[in-house]
């Protein structure tokens, strides 16, 4: 079989294109992206973040507008969540943040509800109105413990 430089070049180009596609796909699945210059960085403090993780989506009315940058404890031992959102957003200072769950047992995300104030949040500002994650385990525990208590009190009162 004769060596063919054209065929070798075509095979080499095909292999390089395949490796580039594989690299791009792995970055997309891993959630890593380059967004250029920074967006709007906001801080929200919660009592309970549940299963919220860094890179979780941040949405407004179901539309993804950013992601969770980091989660750490503040000086008061509350969860301090840094949100990286689109720099083009004009969010009022009375915007609220809530940790919600996609469906019944889905992943958690941060939902922003814009307020009505004229003054806008700037990068580095803190969202004052927050709603912590709902813990299904605690909710079931309260229901189970309180269900037996209520029946016993009614019986004693009679």
C-alpha atoms as a PDB file:
ATOM      1  CA  UNK A   1       0.000   0.000   0.000  1.00  0.00           C
ATOM      2  CA  UNK A   2       1.386   3.418  -0.961  1.00  0.00           C
ATOM      3  CA  UNK A   3       1.687   6.340   1.428  1.00  0.00           C
ATOM      4  CA  UNK A   4      -0.752   9.105   0.567  1.00  0.00           C
ATOM      5  CA  UNK A   5      -0.105  12.507   2.147  1.00  0.00           C
ATOM      6  CA  UNK A   6      -3.623  13.733   1.303  1.00  0.00           C
ATOM      7  CA  UNK A   7      -5.247  10.746   3.005  1.00  0.00           C
ATOM      8  CA  UNK A   8      -2.981  11.124   6.082  1.00  0.00           C
ATOM      9  CA  UNK A   9      -3.845  14.819   6.304  1.00  0.00           C
ATOM     10  CA  UNK A  10      -7.584  14.082   6.067  1.00  0.00           C
ATOM     11  CA  UNK A  11      -7.388  11.386   8.781  1.00  0.00           C
ATOM     12  CA  UNK A  12      -5.347  13.708  11.022  1.00  0.00           C
ATOM     13  CA  UNK A  13      -7.886  16.525  10.573  1.00  0.00           C
ATOM     14  CA  UNK A  14     -10.760  14.160  11.350  1.00  0.00           C
ATOM     15  CA  UNK A  15      -9.025  12.970  14.556  1.00  0.00           C
ATOM     16  CA  UNK A  16      -8.348  16.577  15.664  1.00  0.00           C
ATOM     17  CA  UNK A  17     -11.979  17.569  15.011  1.00  0.00           C
ATOM     18  CA  UNK A  18     -13.142  14.565  17.052  1.00  0.00           C
ATOM     19  CA  UNK A  19     -10.861  15.464  19.974  1.00  0.00           C
ATOM     20  CA  UNK A  20     -12.027  19.094  19.892  1.00  0.00           C
ATOM     21  CA  UNK A  21     -15.688  17.979  19.919  1.00  0.00           C
ATOM     22  CA  UNK A  22     -14.993  15.610  22.825  1.00  0.00           C
ATOM     23  CA  UNK A  23     -13.281  18.402  24.798  1.00  0.00           C
ATOM     24  CA  UNK A  24     -16.171  20.822  24.170  1.00  0.00           C
ATOM     25  CA  UNK A  25     -18.731  18.189  25.205  1.00  0.00           C
ATOM     26  CA  UNK A  26     -16.891  17.377  28.431  1.00  0.00           C
ATOM     27  CA  UNK A  27     -16.801  21.081  29.380  1.00  0.00           C
ATOM     28  CA  UNK A  28     -20.524  21.450  28.688  1.00  0.00           C
ATOM     29  CA  UNK A  29     -21.462  18.386  30.741  1.00  0.00           C
ATOM     30  CA  UNK A  30     -19.171  19.489  33.575  1.00  0.00           C
ATOM     31  CA  UNK A  31     -20.858  22.885  33.739  1.00  0.00           C
ATOM     32  CA  UNK A  32     -17.623  24.798  33.212  1.00  0.00           C
ATOM     33  CA  UNK A  33     -17.857  27.810  30.971  1.00  0.00           C
ATOM     34  CA  UNK A  34     -16.035  31.006  30.211  1.00  0.00           C
ATOM     35  CA  UNK A  35     -18.359  33.968  30.454  1.00  0.00           C
ATOM     36  CA  UNK A  36     -15.899  36.717  29.682  1.00  0.00           C
ATOM     37  CA  UNK A  37     -16.038  39.741  31.946  1.00  0.00           C
ATOM     38  CA  UNK A  38     -17.811  39.309  35.256  1.00  0.00           C
ATOM     39  CA  UNK A  39     -21.519  39.641  35.743  1.00  0.00           C
ATOM     40  CA  UNK A  40     -23.499  40.968  38.666  1.00  0.00           C
ATOM     41  CA  UNK A  41     -22.347  39.313  41.929  1.00  0.00           C
ATOM     42  CA  UNK A  42     -24.988  39.348  44.647  1.00  0.00           C
ATOM     43  CA  UNK A  43     -24.931  37.885  48.148  1.00  0.00           C
ATOM     44  CA  UNK A  44     -27.879  36.234  49.915  1.00  0.00           C
ATOM     45  CA  UNK A  45     -27.859  34.810  53.447  1.00  0.00           C
ATOM     46  CA  UNK A  46     -30.043  31.807  54.328  1.00  0.00           C
ATOM     47  CA  UNK A  47     -30.757  29.848  57.517  1.00  0.00           C
ATOM     48  CA  UNK A  48     -30.937  26.565  55.570  1.00  0.00           C
ATOM     49  CA  UNK A  49     -29.662  25.837  52.060  1.00  0.00           C
ATOM     50  CA  UNK A  50     -30.641  22.150  51.969  1.00  0.00           C
ATOM     51  CA  UNK A  51     -29.034  20.460  48.965  1.00  0.00           C
ATOM     52  CA  UNK A  52     -28.119  23.663  47.109  1.00  0.00           C
ATOM     53  CA  UNK A  53     -24.743  23.320  45.402  1.00  0.00           C
ATOM     54  CA  UNK A  54     -22.343  25.681  43.627  1.00  0.00           C
ATOM     55  CA  UNK A  55     -23.218  26.064  39.912  1.00  0.00           C
ATOM     56  CA  UNK A  56     -26.924  25.526  40.684  1.00  0.00           C
ATOM     57  CA  UNK A  57     -29.107  27.702  38.449  1.00  0.00           C
ATOM     58  CA  UNK A  58     -30.429  31.106  39.468  1.00  0.00           C
ATOM     59  CA  UNK A  59     -33.703  31.944  37.757  1.00  0.00           C
ATOM     60  CA  UNK A  60     -36.337  34.640  37.444  1.00  0.00           C
ATOM     61  CA  UNK A  61     -39.816  33.451  36.432  1.00  0.00           C
ATOM     62  CA  UNK A  62     -38.349  30.108  35.352  1.00  0.00           C
ATOM     63  CA  UNK A  63     -35.712  31.655  33.080  1.00  0.00           C
ATOM     64  CA  UNK A  64     -32.102  30.910  34.038  1.00  0.00           C
ATOM     65  CA  UNK A  65     -30.215  34.185  34.534  1.00  0.00           C
ATOM     66  CA  UNK A  66     -27.127  32.972  36.389  1.00  0.00           C
ATOM     67  CA  UNK A  67     -25.669  30.425  38.740  1.00  0.00           C
ATOM     68  CA  UNK A  68     -24.629  29.961  42.351  1.00  0.00           C
ATOM     69  CA  UNK A  69     -20.984  30.977  42.672  1.00  0.00           C
ATOM     70  CA  UNK A  70     -20.136  29.756  46.153  1.00  0.00           C
ATOM     71  CA  UNK A  71     -21.662  28.729  49.478  1.00  0.00           C
ATOM     72  CA  UNK A  72     -19.927  29.363  52.811  1.00  0.00           C
ATOM     73  CA  UNK A  73     -20.706  30.156  56.440  1.00  0.00           C
ATOM     74  CA  UNK A  74     -20.721  33.782  57.553  1.00  0.00           C
ATOM     75  CA  UNK A  75     -19.718  35.107  60.995  1.00  0.00           C
ATOM     76  CA  UNK A  76     -23.217  34.421  62.361  1.00  0.00           C
ATOM     77  CA  UNK A  77     -23.036  30.757  61.218  1.00  0.00           C
ATOM     78  CA  UNK A  78     -25.621  31.316  58.493  1.00  0.00           C
ATOM     79  CA  UNK A  79     -25.159  30.181  54.902  1.00  0.00           C
ATOM     80  CA  UNK A  80     -23.737  32.947  52.716  1.00  0.00           C
ATOM     81  CA  UNK A  81     -24.539  32.276  49.052  1.00  0.00           C
ATOM     82  CA  UNK A  82     -22.839  34.248  46.273  1.00  0.00           C
ATOM     83  CA  UNK A  83     -24.942  34.522  43.104  1.00  0.00           C
ATOM     84  CA  UNK A  84     -23.419  35.279  39.700  1.00  0.00           C
ATOM     85  CA  UNK A  85     -26.165  36.702  37.488  1.00  0.00           C
ATOM     86  CA  UNK A  86     -26.297  38.401  34.090  1.00  0.00           C
ATOM     87  CA  UNK A  87     -24.750  41.885  34.238  1.00  0.00           C
ATOM     88  CA  UNK A  88     -27.545  43.283  32.070  1.00  0.00           C
ATOM     89  CA  UNK A  89     -30.212  42.640  34.712  1.00  0.00           C
ATOM     90  CA  UNK A  90     -31.668  45.626  36.518  1.00  0.00           C
ATOM     91  CA  UNK A  91     -32.810  44.206  39.857  1.00  0.00           C
ATOM     92  CA  UNK A  92     -34.454  46.497  42.429  1.00  0.00           C
ATOM     93  CA  UNK A  93     -33.030  46.603  45.969  1.00  0.00           C
ATOM     94  CA  UNK A  94     -36.161  44.900  47.334  1.00  0.00           C
ATOM     95  CA  UNK A  95     -35.606  41.777  45.219  1.00  0.00           C
ATOM     96  CA  UNK A  96     -36.153  38.550  47.168  1.00  0.00           C
ATOM     97  CA  UNK A  97     -34.326  35.213  46.848  1.00  0.00           C
ATOM     98  CA  UNK A  98     -35.797  31.788  47.656  1.00  0.00           C
ATOM     99  CA  UNK A  99     -34.320  28.301  47.472  1.00  0.00           C
ATOM    100  CA  UNK A 100     -36.781  26.078  45.613  1.00  0.00           C
ATOM    101  CA  UNK A 101     -36.801  22.495  44.351  1.00  0.00           C
ATOM    102  CA  UNK A 102     -37.405  21.426  40.753  1.00  0.00           C
ATOM    103  CA  UNK A 103     -40.414  19.145  41.092  1.00  0.00           C
ATOM    104  CA  UNK A 104     -40.953  17.000  44.167  1.00  0.00           C
ATOM    105  CA  UNK A 105     -37.490  15.452  44.512  1.00  0.00           C
ATOM    106  CA  UNK A 106     -35.450  17.425  41.974  1.00  0.00           C
ATOM    107  CA  UNK A 107     -32.351  19.574  42.317  1.00  0.00           C
ATOM    108  CA  UNK A 108     -32.500  22.837  44.206  1.00  0.00           C
ATOM    109  CA  UNK A 109     -32.070  26.264  42.648  1.00  0.00           C
ATOM    110  CA  UNK A 110     -32.332  29.922  43.648  1.00  0.00           C
ATOM    111  CA  UNK A 111     -35.356  31.841  42.425  1.00  0.00           C
ATOM    112  CA  UNK A 112     -35.237  35.639  42.368  1.00  0.00           C
ATOM    113  CA  UNK A 113     -38.411  37.738  42.562  1.00  0.00           C
ATOM    114  CA  UNK A 114     -37.790  41.362  41.548  1.00  0.00           C
ATOM    115  CA  UNK A 115     -39.358  44.030  43.715  1.00  0.00           C
ATOM    116  CA  UNK A 116     -40.771  47.445  42.833  1.00  0.00           C
ATOM    117  CA  UNK A 117     -38.195  49.928  44.178  1.00  0.00           C
ATOM    118  CA  UNK A 118     -36.534  52.448  41.881  1.00  0.00           C
ATOM    119  CA  UNK A 119     -33.021  51.924  43.320  1.00  0.00           C
ATOM    120  CA  UNK A 120     -31.110  49.011  41.738  1.00  0.00           C
ATOM    121  CA  UNK A 121     -28.799  46.379  43.212  1.00  0.00           C
ATOM    122  CA  UNK A 122     -25.121  46.815  42.396  1.00  0.00           C
ATOM    123  CA  UNK A 123     -22.437  44.132  42.184  1.00  0.00           C
ATOM    124  CA  UNK A 124     -21.472  43.072  45.721  1.00  0.00           C
ATOM    125  CA  UNK A 125     -24.811  44.100  47.283  1.00  0.00           C
ATOM    126  CA  UNK A 126     -26.726  41.774  49.602  1.00  0.00           C
ATOM    127  CA  UNK A 127     -30.279  40.616  48.968  1.00  0.00           C
ATOM    128  CA  UNK A 128     -32.179  41.419  52.162  1.00  0.00           C
ATOM    129  CA  UNK A 129     -35.294  39.282  51.665  1.00  0.00           C
ATOM    130  CA  UNK A 130     -34.557  35.547  51.595  1.00  0.00           C
ATOM    131  CA  UNK A 131     -36.529  32.339  52.028  1.00  0.00           C
ATOM    132  CA  UNK A 132     -34.611  29.237  53.091  1.00  0.00           C
ATOM    133  CA  UNK A 133     -34.949  25.770  51.598  1.00  0.00           C
ATOM    134  CA  UNK A 134     -37.848  23.611  52.710  1.00  0.00           C
ATOM    135  CA  UNK A 135     -36.600  20.419  54.320  1.00  0.00           C
ATOM    136  CA  UNK A 136     -38.898  17.501  53.477  1.00  0.00           C
ATOM    137  CA  UNK A 137     -37.414  15.447  56.337  1.00  0.00           C
ATOM    138  CA  UNK A 138     -38.236  18.120  58.922  1.00  0.00           C
ATOM    139  CA  UNK A 139     -41.702  18.600  57.483  1.00  0.00           C
ATOM    140  CA  UNK A 140     -42.464  14.865  57.690  1.00  0.00           C
ATOM    141  CA  UNK A 141     -40.976  14.712  61.194  1.00  0.00           C
ATOM    142  CA  UNK A 142     -43.212  17.542  62.410  1.00  0.00           C
ATOM    143  CA  UNK A 143     -46.246  15.919  60.827  1.00  0.00           C
ATOM    144  CA  UNK A 144     -45.516  12.512  62.397  1.00  0.00           C
ATOM    145  CA  UNK A 145     -44.787  13.948  65.854  1.00  0.00           C
ATOM    146  CA  UNK A 146     -47.730  16.346  65.900  1.00  0.00           C
ATOM    147  CA  UNK A 147     -50.235  13.843  64.480  1.00  0.00           C
ATOM    148  CA  UNK A 148     -50.096  11.629  67.576  1.00  0.00           C
ATOM    149  CA  UNK A 149     -50.074  14.601  69.958  1.00  0.00           C
ATOM    150  CA  UNK A 150     -53.290  16.150  68.679  1.00  0.00           C
ATOM    151  CA  UNK A 151     -55.358  12.968  69.107  1.00  0.00           C
ATOM    152  CA  UNK A 152     -54.197  12.440  72.699  1.00  0.00           C
ATOM    153  CA  UNK A 153     -55.124  15.972  73.709  1.00  0.00           C
ATOM    154  CA  UNK A 154     -58.650  15.598  72.330  1.00  0.00           C
ATOM    155  CA  UNK A 155     -59.166  12.355  74.257  1.00  0.00           C
ATOM    156  CA  UNK A 156     -58.023  13.888  77.562  1.00  0.00           C
ATOM    157  CA  UNK A 157     -60.279  16.923  77.108  1.00  0.00           C
ATOM    158  CA  UNK A 158     -63.423  14.786  76.856  1.00  0.00           C
END
